[in-house]
Amino acid sequence: MTPPDSRTPVRFGVLGCADIAWRRTLPALCANPDATPVAIASRTPQKAQRFADRFGCAAVHGYDALLARPDIDAVYVPLPAMLLAPWVTRALEAGKHVFAEKPLSASRAESEALVRLARERGLVLRENAMFLHHSQHARVADLVADGAIGELRGFRSAFTIPPKPDGDIRYQPEVGGGALLDVAVYPLRAALYFLGPELTVVGATLRRRQGAVLSGSVLLTTPSGIPAQLSFGMEHSYRTDYEILGSTGRLSLDRVFTPPASWQPVVRVERQDHREEIVLPADDQFARVIEDFVGAVVRDAGTGSELDASVRLVGLIDDMTRQAVYADR
């Protein structure tokens, strides 16, 4: 499809009335001068109207009706993980650029098919891996590359959240996918960011309840033997951090996945005879990820190598589920 003129805001439609859309993504989209919401669709008209009233757009009953609109350039898809692939497919087939929630699908095969379709149609496809767009991670990568902790020796990360109310969609494996697709994707994607795309699963343990994964731990390794030890779950106290281990020291950072826009990250660097805290500037990762997507649409950038990590992510999840030791409760 022809990209919108760079002086004209990219016109967005939204499939679904998810909480993340209400709290974070749509406010960031509305704040971007190069983007504007045109319509939001729901199977429940009242939900769509509530969003439409707040964000100044049209309420549409049904997802197909929104995809048929000619006044929409791009579609944001904040649907549950197990429903993403079919609706991302329909949006691409309708000629719309797509910004989807993470992970892009529930399996490597599905994600590969989506990327292939986007490339065939010349459309931009991105997943909302918003935390990677926060400037703190690039700064940490620079510190490691500059030898602040010597040679890289290991990576550790955890993302855990308190239990959700009974009946929450995350406890419905046929729709939400449990902690694997909702929480584990964060430390897994961080490990890919810092250690590279050739990570493989060494072993994993997963706790389940009625088929839904509640929590787990996984050990990964690079071809050269650098390990990544990751923990995740939704039956814990809140924790979101990572630690990078080196030959001469270690580097750690808190609030790495869900920092508020006002949060000033503090990088802690520790060596044998040296301790240092580096205060980084605040950043708005939701604003940054919207800028990235809108910029790609305006430039007619298509779908390049950005999605390789998205495909690799769900490939690792596939491997984890096959190799894991399960504990059912």
C-alpha atoms as a PDB file:
ATOM      1  CA  MET A   1       0.000   0.000   0.000  1.00  0.00           C
ATOM      2  CA  THR A   2       1.120   3.593  -0.538  1.00  0.00           C
ATOM      3  CA  PRO A   3       2.602   5.097   2.642  1.00  0.00           C
ATOM      4  CA  PRO A   4       0.887   8.162   4.061  1.00  0.00           C
ATOM      5  CA  ASP A   5       2.426  11.523   3.222  1.00  0.00           C
ATOM      6  CA  SER A   6       5.053  12.397   5.851  1.00  0.00           C
ATOM      7  CA  ARG A   7       3.089  15.579   6.668  1.00  0.00           C
ATOM      8  CA  THR A   8      -0.103  13.600   7.337  1.00  0.00           C
ATOM      9  CA  PRO A   9      -0.488  11.622  10.588  1.00  0.00           C
ATOM     10  CA  VAL A  10      -0.589   7.846  10.258  1.00  0.00           C
ATOM     11  CA  ARG A  11      -4.219   6.847  10.769  1.00  0.00           C
ATOM     12  CA  PHE A  12      -4.638   4.024  13.301  1.00  0.00           C
ATOM     13  CA  GLY A  13      -7.350   1.513  13.983  1.00  0.00           C
ATOM     14  CA  VAL A  14      -7.343  -0.594  17.151  1.00  0.00           C
ATOM     15  CA  LEU A  15      -8.572  -4.189  17.412  1.00  0.00           C
ATOM     16  CA  GLY A  16      -9.724  -4.766  20.962  1.00  0.00           C
ATOM     17  CA  CYS A  17     -10.123  -2.850  24.207  1.00  0.00           C
ATOM     18  CA  ALA A  18      -7.227  -4.227  26.223  1.00  0.00           C
ATOM     19  CA  ASP A  19      -6.056  -2.624  29.464  1.00  0.00           C
ATOM     20  CA  ILE A  20      -2.562  -2.010  28.057  1.00  0.00           C
ATOM     21  CA  ALA A  21      -4.123  -0.024  25.220  1.00  0.00           C
ATOM     22  CA  TRP A  22      -6.130   2.116  27.650  1.00  0.00           C
ATOM     23  CA  ARG A  23      -3.308   2.793  30.121  1.00  0.00           C
ATOM     24  CA  ARG A  24      -0.171   3.076  28.016  1.00  0.00           C
ATOM     25  CA  THR A  25      -0.217   2.526  24.255  1.00  0.00           C
ATOM     26  CA  LEU A  26      -3.108   4.711  23.140  1.00  0.00           C
ATOM     27  CA  PRO A  27      -2.048   7.686  25.312  1.00  0.00           C
ATOM     28  CA  ALA A  28       1.420   7.425  23.729  1.00  0.00           C
ATOM     29  CA  LEU A  29      -0.096   7.185  20.265  1.00  0.00           C
ATOM     30  CA  CYS A  30      -2.309  10.230  20.837  1.00  0.00           C
ATOM     31  CA  ALA A  31       0.719  12.213  22.064  1.00  0.00           C
ATOM     32  CA  ASN A  32       2.632  11.508  18.850  1.00  0.00           C
ATOM     33  CA  PRO A  33       2.072  14.315  16.301  1.00  0.00           C
ATOM     34  CA  ASP A  34       2.591  11.893  13.416  1.00  0.00           C
ATOM     35  CA  ALA A  35      -0.153   9.476  14.505  1.00  0.00           C
ATOM     36  CA  THR A  36      -3.883   9.709  15.124  1.00  0.00           C
ATOM     37  CA  PRO A  37      -6.488   7.139  16.245  1.00  0.00           C
ATOM     38  CA  VAL A  38      -9.361   6.878  13.774  1.00  0.00           C
ATOM     39  CA  ALA A  39     -11.416   3.973  15.094  1.00  0.00           C
ATOM     40  CA  ILE A  40     -11.442   1.274  17.748  1.00  0.00           C
ATOM     41  CA  ALA A  41     -13.281  -2.024  17.418  1.00  0.00           C
ATOM     42  CA  SER A  42     -14.720  -4.408  19.958  1.00  0.00           C
ATOM     43  CA  ARG A  43     -17.195  -7.265  19.909  1.00  0.00           C
ATOM     44  CA  THR A  44     -18.937  -5.319  22.687  1.00  0.00           C
ATOM     45  CA  PRO A  45     -20.184  -1.919  21.432  1.00  0.00           C
ATOM     46  CA  GLN A  46     -20.155  -0.386  24.909  1.00  0.00           C
ATOM     47  CA  LYS A  47     -16.440  -1.126  25.347  1.00  0.00           C
ATOM     48  CA  ALA A  48     -15.574   0.395  21.997  1.00  0.00           C
ATOM     49  CA  GLN A  49     -17.613   3.502  22.805  1.00  0.00           C
ATOM     50  CA  ARG A  50     -15.840   3.979  26.142  1.00  0.00           C
ATOM     51  CA  PHE A  51     -12.454   3.984  24.388  1.00  0.00           C
ATOM     52  CA  ALA A  52     -13.739   6.132  21.522  1.00  0.00           C
ATOM     53  CA  ASP A  53     -15.035   8.778  23.931  1.00  0.00           C
ATOM     54  CA  ARG A  54     -11.688   9.041  25.696  1.00  0.00           C
ATOM     55  CA  PHE A  55      -9.418   8.980  22.638  1.00  0.00           C
ATOM     56  CA  GLY A  56     -11.549  10.957  20.218  1.00  0.00           C
ATOM     57  CA  CYS A  57     -12.188   8.341  17.564  1.00  0.00           C
ATOM     58  CA  ALA A  58     -15.012   6.229  16.135  1.00  0.00           C
ATOM     59  CA  ALA A  59     -16.410   3.145  17.846  1.00  0.00           C
ATOM     60  CA  VAL A  60     -16.768   0.110  15.573  1.00  0.00           C
ATOM     61  CA  HIS A  61     -18.647  -3.107  16.282  1.00  0.00           C
ATOM     62  CA  GLY A  62     -16.517  -6.040  15.171  1.00  0.00           C
ATOM     63  CA  TYR A  63     -12.922  -6.386  14.034  1.00  0.00           C
ATOM     64  CA  ASP A  64     -13.687  -7.162  10.388  1.00  0.00           C
ATOM     65  CA  ALA A  65     -15.690  -3.953  10.098  1.00  0.00           C
ATOM     66  CA  LEU A  66     -12.669  -1.944  11.212  1.00  0.00           C
ATOM     67  CA  LEU A  67     -10.316  -3.725   8.798  1.00  0.00           C
ATOM     68  CA  ALA A  68     -12.671  -2.888   5.932  1.00  0.00           C
ATOM     69  CA  ARG A  69     -12.374   0.866   6.543  1.00  0.00           C
ATOM     70  CA  PRO A  70     -10.385   2.710   3.841  1.00  0.00           C
ATOM     71  CA  ASP A  71      -9.409   5.547   6.213  1.00  0.00           C
ATOM     72  CA  ILE A  72      -7.016   3.409   8.269  1.00  0.00           C
ATOM     73  CA  ASP A  73      -3.325   3.026   7.425  1.00  0.00           C
ATOM     74  CA  ALA A  74      -2.171   0.925  10.369  1.00  0.00           C
ATOM     75  CA  VAL A  75      -3.726  -1.342  12.969  1.00  0.00           C
ATOM     76  CA  TYR A  76      -2.728  -1.824  16.593  1.00  0.00           C
ATOM     77  CA  VAL A  77      -3.624  -5.325  17.799  1.00  0.00           C
ATOM     78  CA  PRO A  78      -3.614  -5.662  21.631  1.00  0.00           C
ATOM     79  CA  LEU A  79      -5.408  -9.020  21.685  1.00  0.00           C
ATOM     80  CA  PRO A  80      -4.538 -11.993  23.942  1.00  0.00           C
ATOM     81  CA  ALA A  81      -1.527 -13.988  22.794  1.00  0.00           C
ATOM     82  CA  MET A  82      -3.456 -16.936  21.395  1.00  0.00           C
ATOM     83  CA  LEU A  83      -5.655 -14.662  19.260  1.00  0.00           C
ATOM     84  CA  LEU A  84      -2.925 -12.489  17.792  1.00  0.00           C
ATOM     85  CA  ALA A  85      -1.825 -14.534  14.772  1.00  0.00           C
ATOM     86  CA  PRO A  86      -5.217 -14.872  13.032  1.00  0.00           C
ATOM     87  CA  TRP A  87      -6.062 -11.175  13.416  1.00  0.00           C
ATOM     88  CA  VAL A  88      -2.583  -9.963  12.470  1.00  0.00           C
ATOM     89  CA  THR A  89      -2.974 -12.134   9.360  1.00  0.00           C
ATOM     90  CA  ARG A  90      -6.340 -10.577   8.509  1.00  0.00           C
ATOM     91  CA  ALA A  91      -4.995  -7.082   9.034  1.00  0.00           C
ATOM     92  CA  LEU A  92      -2.042  -7.701   6.712  1.00  0.00           C
ATOM     93  CA  GLU A  93      -4.339  -9.259   4.125  1.00  0.00           C
ATOM     94  CA  ALA A  94      -6.478  -6.104   4.351  1.00  0.00           C
ATOM     95  CA  GLY A  95      -3.401  -4.055   3.388  1.00  0.00           C
ATOM     96  CA  LYS A  96      -2.807  -2.512   6.821  1.00  0.00           C
ATOM     97  CA  HIS A  97       0.528  -2.009   8.562  1.00  0.00           C
ATOM     98  CA  VAL A  98       0.435  -3.833  11.908  1.00  0.00           C
ATOM     99  CA  PHE A  99       1.691  -2.998  15.384  1.00  0.00           C
ATOM    100  CA  ALA A 100       0.928  -6.055  17.534  1.00  0.00           C
ATOM    101  CA  GLU A 101       1.313  -6.882  21.175  1.00  0.00           C
ATOM    102  CA  LYS A 102       4.026  -9.328  22.177  1.00  0.00           C
ATOM    103  CA  PRO A 103       4.822 -12.017  21.459  1.00  0.00           C
ATOM    104  CA  LEU A 104       3.891 -11.838  17.793  1.00  0.00           C
ATOM    105  CA  SER A 105       2.264 -15.270  17.987  1.00  0.00           C
ATOM    106  CA  ALA A 106       2.243 -18.390  20.129  1.00  0.00           C
ATOM    107  CA  SER A 107       4.690 -20.398  17.976  1.00  0.00           C
ATOM    108  CA  ARG A 108       7.709 -19.998  15.723  1.00  0.00           C
ATOM    109  CA  ALA A 109       5.852 -21.386  12.705  1.00  0.00           C
ATOM    110  CA  GLU A 110       3.043 -18.824  13.104  1.00  0.00           C
ATOM    111  CA  SER A 111       5.485 -15.940  13.534  1.00  0.00           C
ATOM    112  CA  GLU A 112       7.480 -16.987  10.462  1.00  0.00           C
ATOM    113  CA  ALA A 113       4.256 -17.064   8.443  1.00  0.00           C
ATOM    114  CA  LEU A 114       3.310 -13.562   9.608  1.00  0.00           C
ATOM    115  CA  VAL A 115       6.730 -12.123   8.752  1.00  0.00           C
ATOM    116  CA  ARG A 116       6.617 -13.793   5.338  1.00  0.00           C
ATOM    117  CA  LEU A 117       3.161 -12.349   4.626  1.00  0.00           C
ATOM    118  CA  ALA A 118       4.197  -8.839   5.680  1.00  0.00           C
ATOM    119  CA  ARG A 119       7.244  -8.968   3.417  1.00  0.00           C
ATOM    120  CA  GLU A 120       5.206 -10.253   0.491  1.00  0.00           C
ATOM    121  CA  ARG A 121       2.743  -7.368   0.924  1.00  0.00           C
ATOM    122  CA  GLY A 122       5.446  -4.738   1.550  1.00  0.00           C
ATOM    123  CA  LEU A 123       3.896  -3.809   4.909  1.00  0.00           C
ATOM    124  CA  VAL A 124       5.419  -2.796   8.224  1.00  0.00           C
ATOM    125  CA  LEU A 125       4.968  -5.372  10.974  1.00  0.00           C
ATOM    126  CA  ARG A 126       6.275  -4.815  14.496  1.00  0.00           C
ATOM    127  CA  GLU A 127       5.581  -6.248  17.928  1.00  0.00           C
ATOM    128  CA  ASN A 128       5.300  -4.059  21.000  1.00  0.00           C
ATOM    129  CA  ALA A 129       8.618  -4.979  22.639  1.00  0.00           C
ATOM    130  CA  MET A 130       8.481  -1.533  24.203  1.00  0.00           C
ATOM    131  CA  PHE A 131      11.106  -1.995  26.913  1.00  0.00           C
ATOM    132  CA  LEU A 132      13.876  -2.439  24.333  1.00  0.00           C
ATOM    133  CA  HIS A 133      13.240   1.119  23.145  1.00  0.00           C
ATOM    134  CA  HIS A 134      14.149   2.593  26.544  1.00  0.00           C
ATOM    135  CA  SER A 135      17.543   4.283  26.294  1.00  0.00           C
ATOM    136  CA  GLN A 136      18.833   2.583  29.468  1.00  0.00           C
ATOM    137  CA  HIS A 137      19.531  -0.702  27.656  1.00  0.00           C
ATOM    138  CA  ALA A 138      21.651   0.869  24.934  1.00  0.00           C
ATOM    139  CA  ARG A 139      23.671   2.612  27.650  1.00  0.00           C
ATOM    140  CA  VAL A 140      24.194  -0.690  29.479  1.00  0.00           C
ATOM    141  CA  ALA A 141      25.265  -2.356  26.220  1.00  0.00           C
ATOM    142  CA  ASP A 142      27.794   0.442  25.676  1.00  0.00           C
ATOM    143  CA  LEU A 143      29.209  -0.017  29.173  1.00  0.00           C
ATOM    144  CA  VAL A 144      29.661  -3.741  28.602  1.00  0.00           C
ATOM    145  CA  ALA A 145      31.221  -3.179  25.174  1.00  0.00           C
ATOM    146  CA  ASP A 146      33.636  -0.628  26.681  1.00  0.00           C
ATOM    147  CA  GLY A 147      34.892  -3.206  29.193  1.00  0.00           C
ATOM    148  CA  ALA A 148      33.288  -1.832  32.367  1.00  0.00           C
ATOM    149  CA  ILE A 149      33.070  -5.386  33.779  1.00  0.00           C
ATOM    150  CA  GLY A 150      35.665  -7.133  31.642  1.00  0.00           C
ATOM    151  CA  GLU A 151      34.728  -9.961  29.308  1.00  0.00           C
ATOM    152  CA  LEU A 152      31.106 -11.134  29.320  1.00  0.00           C
ATOM    153  CA  ARG A 153      30.584 -14.227  31.478  1.00  0.00           C
ATOM    154  CA  GLY A 154      26.859 -14.481  32.152  1.00  0.00           C
ATOM    155  CA  PHE A 155      23.410 -12.915  32.280  1.00  0.00           C
ATOM    156  CA  ARG A 156      20.670 -13.186  34.903  1.00  0.00           C
ATOM    157  CA  SER A 157      17.196 -11.714  34.812  1.00  0.00           C
ATOM    158  CA  ALA A 158      13.871 -11.998  36.597  1.00  0.00           C
ATOM    159  CA  PHE A 159      10.373 -10.714  35.957  1.00  0.00           C
ATOM    160  CA  THR A 160       7.757 -11.753  38.484  1.00  0.00           C
ATOM    161  CA  ILE A 161       4.390 -10.256  39.382  1.00  0.00           C
ATOM    162  CA  PRO A 162       1.786 -10.939  42.109  1.00  0.00           C
ATOM    163  CA  PRO A 163      -1.109 -13.323  41.428  1.00  0.00           C
ATOM    164  CA  LYS A 164      -4.003 -12.029  39.370  1.00  0.00           C
ATOM    165  CA  PRO A 165      -7.663 -12.388  40.394  1.00  0.00           C
ATOM    166  CA  ASP A 166      -9.295 -15.736  39.724  1.00  0.00           C
ATOM    167  CA  GLY A 167     -10.754 -15.765  36.231  1.00  0.00           C
ATOM    168  CA  ASP A 168      -8.050 -13.504  34.793  1.00  0.00           C
ATOM    169  CA  ILE A 169      -7.360 -14.277  31.136  1.00  0.00           C
ATOM    170  CA  ARG A 170      -3.777 -15.232  31.974  1.00  0.00           C
ATOM    171  CA  TYR A 171      -5.103 -18.339  33.725  1.00  0.00           C
ATOM    172  CA  GLN A 172      -6.866 -19.458  30.537  1.00  0.00           C
ATOM    173  CA  PRO A 173      -4.201 -21.319  28.509  1.00  0.00           C
ATOM    174  CA  GLU A 174      -6.372 -21.530  25.403  1.00  0.00           C
ATOM    175  CA  VAL A 175      -6.503 -17.719  25.216  1.00  0.00           C
ATOM    176  CA  GLY A 176      -3.840 -16.034  27.330  1.00  0.00           C
ATOM    177  CA  GLY A 177      -1.004 -18.512  27.322  1.00  0.00           C
ATOM    178  CA  GLY A 178      -0.100 -18.116  31.008  1.00  0.00           C
ATOM    179  CA  ALA A 179       3.185 -16.709  32.301  1.00  0.00           C
ATOM    180  CA  LEU A 180       5.216 -17.942  29.328  1.00  0.00           C
ATOM    181  CA  LEU A 181       3.655 -15.599  26.783  1.00  0.00           C
ATOM    182  CA  ASP A 182       2.821 -12.784  29.186  1.00  0.00           C
ATOM    183  CA  VAL A 183       5.842 -12.529  31.509  1.00  0.00           C
ATOM    184  CA  ALA A 184       8.698 -14.802  30.389  1.00  0.00           C
ATOM    185  CA  VAL A 185       8.974 -12.968  27.073  1.00  0.00           C
ATOM    186  CA  TYR A 186      10.625 -10.004  28.843  1.00  0.00           C
ATOM    187  CA  PRO A 187      13.734 -11.689  30.307  1.00  0.00           C
ATOM    188  CA  LEU A 188      13.987 -13.911  27.229  1.00  0.00           C
ATOM    189  CA  ARG A 189      14.018 -10.898  24.923  1.00  0.00           C
ATOM    190  CA  ALA A 190      16.561  -9.160  27.161  1.00  0.00           C
ATOM    191  CA  ALA A 191      18.826 -12.209  26.971  1.00  0.00           C
ATOM    192  CA  LEU A 192      18.595 -12.160  23.162  1.00  0.00           C
ATOM    193  CA  TYR A 193      19.417  -8.445  23.199  1.00  0.00           C
ATOM    194  CA  PHE A 194      22.598  -8.814  25.254  1.00  0.00           C
ATOM    195  CA  LEU A 195      23.798 -12.305  24.269  1.00  0.00           C
ATOM    196  CA  GLY A 196      22.735 -12.529  20.637  1.00  0.00           C
ATOM    197  CA  PRO A 197      20.391 -14.683  18.530  1.00  0.00           C
ATOM    198  CA  GLU A 198      22.155 -18.053  18.913  1.00  0.00           C
ATOM    199  CA  LEU A 199      20.898 -18.827  22.406  1.00  0.00           C
ATOM    200  CA  THR A 200      19.706 -22.376  22.975  1.00  0.00           C
ATOM    201  CA  VAL A 201      17.699 -23.920  25.812  1.00  0.00           C
ATOM    202  CA  VAL A 202      19.681 -26.124  28.191  1.00  0.00           C
ATOM    203  CA  GLY A 203      16.836 -26.886  30.571  1.00  0.00           C
ATOM    204  CA  ALA A 204      13.693 -25.463  32.133  1.00  0.00           C
ATOM    205  CA  THR A 205      11.209 -26.061  34.917  1.00  0.00           C
ATOM    206  CA  LEU A 206       7.606 -24.845  34.758  1.00  0.00           C
ATOM    207  CA  ARG A 207       4.811 -24.785  37.344  1.00  0.00           C
ATOM    208  CA  ARG A 208       1.276 -25.241  36.016  1.00  0.00           C
ATOM    209  CA  ARG A 209      -2.250 -24.985  37.304  1.00  0.00           C
ATOM    210  CA  GLN A 210      -5.061 -26.392  35.190  1.00  0.00           C
ATOM    211  CA  GLY A 211      -2.878 -26.232  32.110  1.00  0.00           C
ATOM    212  CA  ALA A 212      -1.723 -22.629  32.555  1.00  0.00           C
ATOM    213  CA  VAL A 213       1.955 -21.980  33.301  1.00  0.00           C
ATOM    214  CA  LEU A 214       2.207 -19.910  36.487  1.00  0.00           C
ATOM    215  CA  SER A 215       5.968 -19.577  36.783  1.00  0.00           C
ATOM    216  CA  GLY A 216       9.257 -21.062  35.779  1.00  0.00           C
ATOM    217  CA  SER A 217      12.988 -20.892  35.353  1.00  0.00           C
ATOM    218  CA  VAL A 218      15.158 -21.549  32.305  1.00  0.00           C
ATOM    219  CA  LEU A 219      18.855 -21.935  31.587  1.00  0.00           C
ATOM    220  CA  LEU A 220      20.086 -20.888  28.151  1.00  0.00           C
ATOM    221  CA  THR A 221      23.552 -20.754  26.634  1.00  0.00           C
ATOM    222  CA  THR A 222      25.405 -19.149  23.763  1.00  0.00           C
ATOM    223  CA  PRO A 223      27.551 -21.350  21.474  1.00  0.00           C
ATOM    224  CA  SER A 224      30.615 -20.240  23.471  1.00  0.00           C
ATOM    225  CA  GLY A 225      29.070 -21.304  26.778  1.00  0.00           C
ATOM    226  CA  ILE A 226      27.923 -17.978  28.234  1.00  0.00           C
ATOM    227  CA  PRO A 227      24.827 -18.807  30.328  1.00  0.00           C
ATOM    228  CA  ALA A 228      21.582 -16.907  30.788  1.00  0.00           C
ATOM    229  CA  GLN A 229      19.612 -17.782  33.927  1.00  0.00           C
ATOM    230  CA  LEU A 230      16.061 -16.466  33.797  1.00  0.00           C
ATOM    231  CA  SER A 231      13.149 -16.575  36.252  1.00  0.00           C
ATOM    232  CA  PHE A 232       9.567 -15.489  35.674  1.00  0.00           C
ATOM    233  CA  GLY A 233       6.088 -15.922  37.037  1.00  0.00           C
ATOM    234  CA  MET A 234       2.803 -14.532  38.255  1.00  0.00           C
ATOM    235  CA  GLU A 235       2.694 -15.973  41.773  1.00  0.00           C
ATOM    236  CA  HIS A 236       5.443 -13.854  43.406  1.00  0.00           C
ATOM    237  CA  SER A 237       6.249 -10.437  44.762  1.00  0.00           C
ATOM    238  CA  TYR A 238       6.960  -7.865  42.077  1.00  0.00           C
ATOM    239  CA  ARG A 239      10.487  -8.022  40.632  1.00  0.00           C
ATOM    240  CA  THR A 240      11.951  -6.801  37.343  1.00  0.00           C
ATOM    241  CA  ASP A 241      15.726  -6.668  36.993  1.00  0.00           C
ATOM    242  CA  TYR A 242      18.787  -7.991  35.261  1.00  0.00           C
ATOM    243  CA  GLU A 243      22.454  -8.533  36.092  1.00  0.00           C
ATOM    244  CA  ILE A 244      25.338  -8.900  33.649  1.00  0.00           C
ATOM    245  CA  LEU A 245      28.376 -10.784  34.906  1.00  0.00           C
ATOM    246  CA  GLY A 246      31.882 -10.129  33.623  1.00  0.00           C
ATOM    247  CA  SER A 247      35.431 -11.341  34.192  1.00  0.00           C
ATOM    248  CA  THR A 248      36.284  -8.350  36.394  1.00  0.00           C
ATOM    249  CA  GLY A 249      32.921  -7.239  37.794  1.00  0.00           C
ATOM    250  CA  ARG A 250      29.168  -7.166  37.465  1.00  0.00           C
ATOM    251  CA  LEU A 251      26.527  -4.692  36.423  1.00  0.00           C
ATOM    252  CA  SER A 252      22.926  -4.604  37.690  1.00  0.00           C
ATOM    253  CA  LEU A 253      19.800  -2.614  36.999  1.00  0.00           C
ATOM    254  CA  ASP A 254      16.283  -2.564  38.532  1.00  0.00           C
ATOM    255  CA  ARG A 255      12.896  -1.687  37.034  1.00  0.00           C
ATOM    256  CA  VAL A 256      14.189  -2.753  33.634  1.00  0.00           C
ATOM    257  CA  PHE A 257      10.965  -3.891  31.947  1.00  0.00           C
ATOM    258  CA  THR A 258       8.180  -1.601  33.149  1.00  0.00           C
ATOM    259  CA  PRO A 259       9.658   1.714  34.306  1.00  0.00           C
ATOM    260  CA  PRO A 260       7.315   4.707  34.428  1.00  0.00           C
ATOM    261  CA  ALA A 261       8.245   7.563  32.130  1.00  0.00           C
ATOM    262  CA  SER A 262       9.512   9.595  35.102  1.00  0.00           C
ATOM    263  CA  TRP A 263      11.806   6.847  36.404  1.00  0.00           C
ATOM    264  CA  GLN A 264      15.553   7.579  36.425  1.00  0.00           C
ATOM    265  CA  PRO A 265      17.405   4.263  36.093  1.00  0.00           C
ATOM    266  CA  VAL A 266      20.468   3.621  38.249  1.00  0.00           C
ATOM    267  CA  VAL A 267      23.151   1.306  36.859  1.00  0.00           C
ATOM    268  CA  ARG A 268      25.260  -0.309  39.585  1.00  0.00           C
ATOM    269  CA  VAL A 269      28.769  -1.326  38.542  1.00  0.00           C
ATOM    270  CA  GLU A 270      30.772  -3.418  41.009  1.00  0.00           C
ATOM    271  CA  ARG A 271      34.376  -4.578  40.670  1.00  0.00           C
ATOM    272  CA  GLN A 272      36.899  -5.956  43.168  1.00  0.00           C
ATOM    273  CA  ASP A 273      37.938  -2.511  44.441  1.00  0.00           C
ATOM    274  CA  HIS A 274      35.332  -0.252  42.899  1.00  0.00           C
ATOM    275  CA  ARG A 275      31.624   0.457  43.248  1.00  0.00           C
ATOM    276  CA  GLU A 276      29.833   3.010  41.143  1.00  0.00           C
ATOM    277  CA  GLU A 277      26.260   4.143  40.537  1.00  0.00           C
ATOM    278  CA  ILE A 278      25.441   5.768  37.217  1.00  0.00           C
ATOM    279  CA  VAL A 279      22.144   7.679  37.115  1.00  0.00           C
ATOM    280  CA  LEU A 280      20.596   7.632  33.650  1.00  0.00           C
ATOM    281  CA  PRO A 281      17.980  10.001  32.224  1.00  0.00           C
ATOM    282  CA  ALA A 282      14.303   9.157  32.387  1.00  0.00           C
ATOM    283  CA  ASP A 283      12.733   7.904  29.182  1.00  0.00           C
ATOM    284  CA  ASP A 284       9.273   6.972  27.914  1.00  0.00           C
ATOM    285  CA  GLN A 285       9.528   3.559  26.290  1.00  0.00           C
ATOM    286  CA  PHE A 286       5.951   3.641  25.007  1.00  0.00           C
ATOM    287  CA  ALA A 287       6.534   6.965  23.270  1.00  0.00           C
ATOM    288  CA  ARG A 288       9.768   5.593  21.772  1.00  0.00           C
ATOM    289  CA  VAL A 289       8.206   2.398  20.402  1.00  0.00           C
ATOM    290  CA  ILE A 290       5.345   4.362  18.807  1.00  0.00           C
ATOM    291  CA  GLU A 291       7.912   6.705  17.231  1.00  0.00           C
ATOM    292  CA  ASP A 292       9.772   3.718  15.805  1.00  0.00           C
ATOM    293  CA  PHE A 293       6.670   2.144  14.272  1.00  0.00           C
ATOM    294  CA  VAL A 294       5.227   5.367  12.883  1.00  0.00           C
ATOM    295  CA  GLY A 295       8.618   6.293  11.445  1.00  0.00           C
ATOM    296  CA  ALA A 296       8.842   2.946   9.661  1.00  0.00           C
ATOM    297  CA  VAL A 297       5.373   3.440   8.147  1.00  0.00           C
ATOM    298  CA  VAL A 298       6.166   6.984   6.983  1.00  0.00           C
ATOM    299  CA  ARG A 299       9.460   5.857   5.446  1.00  0.00           C
ATOM    300  CA  ASP A 300       7.766   2.875   3.803  1.00  0.00           C
ATOM    301  CA  ALA A 301      10.420   0.790   5.519  1.00  0.00           C
ATOM    302  CA  GLY A 302       8.613  -2.521   5.162  1.00  0.00           C
ATOM    303  CA  THR A 303       9.500  -5.427   7.420  1.00  0.00           C
ATOM    304  CA  GLY A 304      13.259  -5.769   7.748  1.00  0.00           C
ATOM    305  CA  SER A 305      15.447  -7.628  10.206  1.00  0.00           C
ATOM    306  CA  GLU A 306      13.692  -6.178  13.289  1.00  0.00           C
ATOM    307  CA  LEU A 307      11.439  -9.211  13.545  1.00  0.00           C
ATOM    308  CA  ASP A 308      14.207 -11.815  13.520  1.00  0.00           C
ATOM    309  CA  ALA A 309      14.402 -11.578  17.331  1.00  0.00           C
ATOM    310  CA  SER A 310      10.602 -11.807  17.548  1.00  0.00           C
ATOM    311  CA  VAL A 311      10.681 -15.106  15.669  1.00  0.00           C
ATOM    312  CA  ARG A 312      13.624 -16.364  17.703  1.00  0.00           C
ATOM    313  CA  LEU A 313      11.785 -15.475  20.923  1.00  0.00           C
ATOM    314  CA  VAL A 314       8.829 -17.754  20.265  1.00  0.00           C
ATOM    315  CA  GLY A 315      11.236 -20.399  19.002  1.00  0.00           C
ATOM    316  CA  LEU A 316      12.874 -20.404  22.430  1.00  0.00           C
ATOM    317  CA  ILE A 317       9.447 -20.666  24.071  1.00  0.00           C
ATOM    318  CA  ASP A 318       8.644 -23.643  21.821  1.00  0.00           C
ATOM    319  CA  ASP A 319      11.913 -25.280  22.925  1.00  0.00           C
ATOM    320  CA  MET A 320      11.221 -24.548  26.591  1.00  0.00           C
ATOM    321  CA  THR A 321       7.785 -26.151  26.520  1.00  0.00           C
ATOM    322  CA  ARG A 322       9.206 -29.288  24.876  1.00  0.00           C
ATOM    323  CA  GLN A 323      12.176 -29.683  27.215  1.00  0.00           C
ATOM    324  CA  ALA A 324      10.754 -28.470  30.523  1.00  0.00           C
ATOM    325  CA  VAL A 325      10.218 -30.469  33.667  1.00  0.00           C
ATOM    326  CA  TYR A 326       6.625 -29.705  34.734  1.00  0.00           C
ATOM    327  CA  ALA A 327       5.194 -29.465  38.230  1.00  0.00           C
ATOM    328  CA  ASP A 328       1.377 -29.440  38.350  1.00  0.00           C
ATOM    329  CA  ARG A 329      -0.514 -28.077  41.323  1.00  0.00           C
END
